[in-house]
Amino acid sequence: MQHHLLHHSHRALAMGLAAASMVAMGYVGLYQSRAVRHIWCPVFAKGCEAVADAAFAKPFGIPDGYIATALYAVIFVMLMGATGRLWIWIPLLLLAAAATLANFLGVRDMINLGSFCFYCMLTTILSPVLLWEIWRLR
């Protein structure tokens, strides 16, 4: 019984982290596609817009905010499945690891640019925690 409750709490936390990251990066994507004219950027002022408009933020011409949103949405949906099954857990773990790596590469790009995005930094902080919570689901 206790193992089941722990599993449930790790899954719930992972789902919350994925949802928060999905919303944050969705907001960035909306700005990148100009569905939102200006992005509210706590801490970094105009940094969010500078980062979102940077060349590295549109791989293959696709706003990375939308790419990240899709990635976190897939993780969220997969977390609703039987995460104890290896055929779900391994891809879930790999997607969370890819998100973590992409976020750290994004920080490197932001350092080189000299501007920072609050939402990108938020997901960078959340992604290793998400990865750890998914690891704990095994």
C-alpha atoms as a PDB file:
ATOM      1  CA  MET A   1       0.000   0.000   0.000  1.00  0.00           C
ATOM      2  CA  GLN A   2       2.752   2.469   0.963  1.00  0.00           C
ATOM      3  CA  HIS A   3       4.697   1.712  -2.250  1.00  0.00           C
ATOM      4  CA  HIS A   4       1.550   2.452  -4.268  1.00  0.00           C
ATOM      5  CA  LEU A   5       1.096   5.813  -2.500  1.00  0.00           C
ATOM      6  CA  LEU A   6       4.739   6.744  -3.086  1.00  0.00           C
ATOM      7  CA  HIS A   7       4.435   5.795  -6.751  1.00  0.00           C
ATOM      8  CA  HIS A   8       1.283   7.913  -7.009  1.00  0.00           C
ATOM      9  CA  SER A   9       2.967  10.939  -5.383  1.00  0.00           C
ATOM     10  CA  HIS A  10       5.994  10.706  -7.715  1.00  0.00           C
ATOM     11  CA  ARG A  11       3.661  10.447 -10.711  1.00  0.00           C
ATOM     12  CA  ALA A  12       1.549  13.405  -9.502  1.00  0.00           C
ATOM     13  CA  LEU A  13       4.636  15.558  -8.955  1.00  0.00           C
ATOM     14  CA  ALA A  14       6.057  14.576 -12.369  1.00  0.00           C
ATOM     15  CA  MET A  15       2.722  15.420 -14.000  1.00  0.00           C
ATOM     16  CA  GLY A  16       2.685  18.805 -12.246  1.00  0.00           C
ATOM     17  CA  LEU A  17       6.246  19.566 -13.363  1.00  0.00           C
ATOM     18  CA  ALA A  18       5.465  18.539 -16.948  1.00  0.00           C
ATOM     19  CA  ALA A  19       2.276  20.644 -16.936  1.00  0.00           C
ATOM     20  CA  ALA A  20       4.052  23.712 -15.524  1.00  0.00           C
ATOM     21  CA  SER A  21       6.825  23.376 -18.126  1.00  0.00           C
ATOM     22  CA  MET A  22       4.259  22.860 -20.892  1.00  0.00           C
ATOM     23  CA  VAL A  23       2.390  26.054 -19.937  1.00  0.00           C
ATOM     24  CA  ALA A  24       5.583  28.111 -19.540  1.00  0.00           C
ATOM     25  CA  MET A  25       6.991  27.080 -22.900  1.00  0.00           C
ATOM     26  CA  GLY A  26       3.577  27.349 -24.561  1.00  0.00           C
ATOM     27  CA  TYR A  27       3.534  31.008 -23.534  1.00  0.00           C
ATOM     28  CA  VAL A  28       6.974  31.498 -25.105  1.00  0.00           C
ATOM     29  CA  GLY A  29       5.765  29.739 -28.265  1.00  0.00           C
ATOM     30  CA  LEU A  30       2.733  32.032 -28.470  1.00  0.00           C
ATOM     31  CA  TYR A  31       5.068  35.028 -28.367  1.00  0.00           C
ATOM     32  CA  GLN A  32       7.432  33.470 -30.930  1.00  0.00           C
ATOM     33  CA  SER A  33       4.540  32.996 -33.367  1.00  0.00           C
ATOM     34  CA  ARG A  34       3.248  36.485 -32.495  1.00  0.00           C
ATOM     35  CA  ALA A  35      -0.079  35.195 -31.185  1.00  0.00           C
ATOM     36  CA  VAL A  36       1.012  37.238 -28.132  1.00  0.00           C
ATOM     37  CA  ARG A  37       2.558  40.636 -28.958  1.00  0.00           C
ATOM     38  CA  HIS A  38       4.707  41.042 -25.841  1.00  0.00           C
ATOM     39  CA  ILE A  39       5.834  38.531 -23.250  1.00  0.00           C
ATOM     40  CA  TRP A  40       5.717  39.355 -19.542  1.00  0.00           C
ATOM     41  CA  CYS A  41       9.201  38.556 -18.290  1.00  0.00           C
ATOM     42  CA  PRO A  42       9.728  38.507 -14.503  1.00  0.00           C
ATOM     43  CA  VAL A  43      13.321  39.026 -13.316  1.00  0.00           C
ATOM     44  CA  PHE A  44      14.899  39.405 -16.784  1.00  0.00           C
ATOM     45  CA  ALA A  45      12.841  42.351 -18.220  1.00  0.00           C
ATOM     46  CA  LYS A  46      13.211  42.221 -22.033  1.00  0.00           C
ATOM     47  CA  GLY A  47      15.378  39.091 -21.825  1.00  0.00           C
ATOM     48  CA  CYS A  48      12.486  36.760 -22.632  1.00  0.00           C
ATOM     49  CA  GLU A  49      11.805  38.527 -25.928  1.00  0.00           C
ATOM     50  CA  ALA A  50      15.509  38.703 -26.813  1.00  0.00           C
ATOM     51  CA  VAL A  51      15.905  34.966 -26.213  1.00  0.00           C
ATOM     52  CA  ALA A  52      12.626  34.014 -27.927  1.00  0.00           C
ATOM     53  CA  ASP A  53      13.604  36.079 -30.991  1.00  0.00           C
ATOM     54  CA  ALA A  54      17.180  34.728 -31.165  1.00  0.00           C
ATOM     55  CA  ALA A  55      18.141  32.600 -34.170  1.00  0.00           C
ATOM     56  CA  PHE A  56      18.819  29.552 -31.956  1.00  0.00           C
ATOM     57  CA  ALA A  57      15.217  29.670 -30.688  1.00  0.00           C
ATOM     58  CA  LYS A  58      13.778  28.549 -34.029  1.00  0.00           C
ATOM     59  CA  PRO A  59      15.435  25.286 -35.028  1.00  0.00           C
ATOM     60  CA  PHE A  60      14.275  24.288 -38.528  1.00  0.00           C
ATOM     61  CA  GLY A  61      12.159  27.473 -38.504  1.00  0.00           C
ATOM     62  CA  ILE A  62       9.924  26.100 -35.727  1.00  0.00           C
ATOM     63  CA  PRO A  63       9.556  28.146 -32.520  1.00  0.00           C
ATOM     64  CA  ASP A  64      11.276  26.107 -29.816  1.00  0.00           C
ATOM     65  CA  GLY A  65       8.549  27.119 -27.380  1.00  0.00           C
ATOM     66  CA  TYR A  66       6.155  24.951 -29.376  1.00  0.00           C
ATOM     67  CA  ILE A  67       8.678  22.109 -29.653  1.00  0.00           C
ATOM     68  CA  ALA A  68       9.126  22.140 -25.860  1.00  0.00           C
ATOM     69  CA  THR A  69       5.368  22.382 -25.322  1.00  0.00           C
ATOM     70  CA  ALA A  70       4.840  19.285 -27.472  1.00  0.00           C
ATOM     71  CA  LEU A  71       7.630  17.424 -25.656  1.00  0.00           C
ATOM     72  CA  TYR A  72       6.182  18.199 -22.213  1.00  0.00           C
ATOM     73  CA  ALA A  73       2.654  17.340 -23.447  1.00  0.00           C
ATOM     74  CA  VAL A  74       3.870  13.910 -24.603  1.00  0.00           C
ATOM     75  CA  ILE A  75       5.581  13.377 -21.232  1.00  0.00           C
ATOM     76  CA  PHE A  76       2.391  14.426 -19.417  1.00  0.00           C
ATOM     77  CA  VAL A  77       0.207  12.059 -21.447  1.00  0.00           C
ATOM     78  CA  MET A  78       2.685   9.190 -21.023  1.00  0.00           C
ATOM     79  CA  LEU A  79       2.654   9.775 -17.259  1.00  0.00           C
ATOM     80  CA  MET A  80      -1.060   8.923 -17.319  1.00  0.00           C
ATOM     81  CA  GLY A  81      -0.162   5.438 -18.573  1.00  0.00           C
ATOM     82  CA  ALA A  82       1.278   2.402 -16.836  1.00  0.00           C
ATOM     83  CA  THR A  83       4.609   3.975 -15.890  1.00  0.00           C
ATOM     84  CA  GLY A  84       5.701   0.782 -14.159  1.00  0.00           C
ATOM     85  CA  ARG A  85       5.912  -0.901 -17.560  1.00  0.00           C
ATOM     86  CA  LEU A  86       9.367  -0.672 -19.125  1.00  0.00           C
ATOM     87  CA  TRP A  87       7.944   0.065 -22.578  1.00  0.00           C
ATOM     88  CA  ILE A  88       6.453   3.296 -21.171  1.00  0.00           C
ATOM     89  CA  TRP A  89       9.021   4.101 -18.501  1.00  0.00           C
ATOM     90  CA  ILE A  90      12.133   3.910 -20.743  1.00  0.00           C
ATOM     91  CA  PRO A  91      10.814   6.283 -23.464  1.00  0.00           C
ATOM     92  CA  LEU A  92       9.497   8.560 -20.705  1.00  0.00           C
ATOM     93  CA  LEU A  93      12.907   8.628 -19.070  1.00  0.00           C
ATOM     94  CA  LEU A  94      14.607   9.301 -22.422  1.00  0.00           C
ATOM     95  CA  LEU A  95      12.215  12.176 -23.221  1.00  0.00           C
ATOM     96  CA  ALA A  96      12.804  13.737 -19.794  1.00  0.00           C
ATOM     97  CA  ALA A  97      16.574  13.352 -20.273  1.00  0.00           C
ATOM     98  CA  ALA A  98      16.300  14.983 -23.723  1.00  0.00           C
ATOM     99  CA  ALA A  99      14.325  17.883 -22.219  1.00  0.00           C
ATOM    100  CA  THR A 100      16.954  18.320 -19.500  1.00  0.00           C
ATOM    101  CA  LEU A 101      19.795  18.287 -22.032  1.00  0.00           C
ATOM    102  CA  ALA A 102      17.972  20.708 -24.356  1.00  0.00           C
ATOM    103  CA  ASN A 103      17.367  23.083 -21.448  1.00  0.00           C
ATOM    104  CA  PHE A 104      21.018  23.092 -20.432  1.00  0.00           C
ATOM    105  CA  LEU A 105      22.056  23.705 -24.052  1.00  0.00           C
ATOM    106  CA  GLY A 106      19.545  26.551 -24.075  1.00  0.00           C
ATOM    107  CA  VAL A 107      21.201  28.086 -21.015  1.00  0.00           C
ATOM    108  CA  ARG A 108      24.528  27.899 -22.848  1.00  0.00           C
ATOM    109  CA  ASP A 109      22.914  29.730 -25.781  1.00  0.00           C
ATOM    110  CA  MET A 110      21.421  32.346 -23.438  1.00  0.00           C
ATOM    111  CA  ILE A 111      24.806  32.915 -21.789  1.00  0.00           C
ATOM    112  CA  ASN A 112      26.352  33.448 -25.242  1.00  0.00           C
ATOM    113  CA  LEU A 113      23.509  35.821 -26.175  1.00  0.00           C
ATOM    114  CA  GLY A 114      23.819  37.738 -22.894  1.00  0.00           C
ATOM    115  CA  SER A 115      20.048  37.626 -22.257  1.00  0.00           C
ATOM    116  CA  PHE A 116      17.917  35.249 -20.233  1.00  0.00           C
ATOM    117  CA  CYS A 117      14.335  34.046 -20.453  1.00  0.00           C
ATOM    118  CA  PHE A 118      12.478  33.526 -17.165  1.00  0.00           C
ATOM    119  CA  TYR A 119      10.350  30.697 -18.587  1.00  0.00           C
ATOM    120  CA  CYS A 120      13.339  28.919 -20.128  1.00  0.00           C
ATOM    121  CA  MET A 121      15.233  29.172 -16.844  1.00  0.00           C
ATOM    122  CA  LEU A 122      12.169  27.883 -14.983  1.00  0.00           C
ATOM    123  CA  THR A 123      11.961  24.779 -17.179  1.00  0.00           C
ATOM    124  CA  THR A 124      15.725  24.328 -16.845  1.00  0.00           C
ATOM    125  CA  ILE A 125      15.326  24.194 -13.068  1.00  0.00           C
ATOM    126  CA  LEU A 126      12.260  21.922 -13.257  1.00  0.00           C
ATOM    127  CA  SER A 127      13.581  19.451 -15.858  1.00  0.00           C
ATOM    128  CA  PRO A 128      16.163  17.631 -13.673  1.00  0.00           C
ATOM    129  CA  VAL A 129      13.502  17.322 -10.948  1.00  0.00           C
ATOM    130  CA  LEU A 130      11.094  15.899 -13.548  1.00  0.00           C
ATOM    131  CA  LEU A 131      13.793  13.486 -14.708  1.00  0.00           C
ATOM    132  CA  TRP A 132      14.416  12.391 -11.090  1.00  0.00           C
ATOM    133  CA  GLU A 133      10.703  11.883 -10.371  1.00  0.00           C
ATOM    134  CA  ILE A 134      10.351   9.779 -13.536  1.00  0.00           C
ATOM    135  CA  TRP A 135      13.444   7.782 -12.527  1.00  0.00           C
ATOM    136  CA  ARG A 136      11.756   7.080  -9.180  1.00  0.00           C
ATOM    137  CA  LEU A 137       8.712   5.577 -10.960  1.00  0.00           C
ATOM    138  CA  ARG A 138      10.649   2.459 -12.044  1.00  0.00           C
END
